[in-house]
Amino acid sequence: MTRVELMVDDVVKQEADDLFASLGLDTATAIQIFLRASIAHAGIPFSVEQRDIPAHLRTAVHDSRTGENLHGPFATAEEAVASMLGE
């Protein structure tokens, strides 16, 4: 077994310890659950997002990741800029 050490704010550590204890877990076990769930999901097992990003930017990021609502390809950067400006 490998030892992992990390720095965590004292208040965050105590709140996490209290939460996990209320679930019948210690923090080390909860971290192992998170790591195993990450492996099983091939990524973080829950949504990670910045909530202060405007909706139109979140939509643009989603579209770029999924290939939806995209225009092009463009032969030049000028063509791409003209498309964005609606020219």
Foldseek 3Di string as FASTA:
>chain_A
DDDDDDDDPPVVQVVQQVVQVVVVHGVVVVVVVQVVCCVVVVHRNDDDDDPPDDPVVVVVVVCVVVVPPDDDDDPDVVVVVCVVVVD
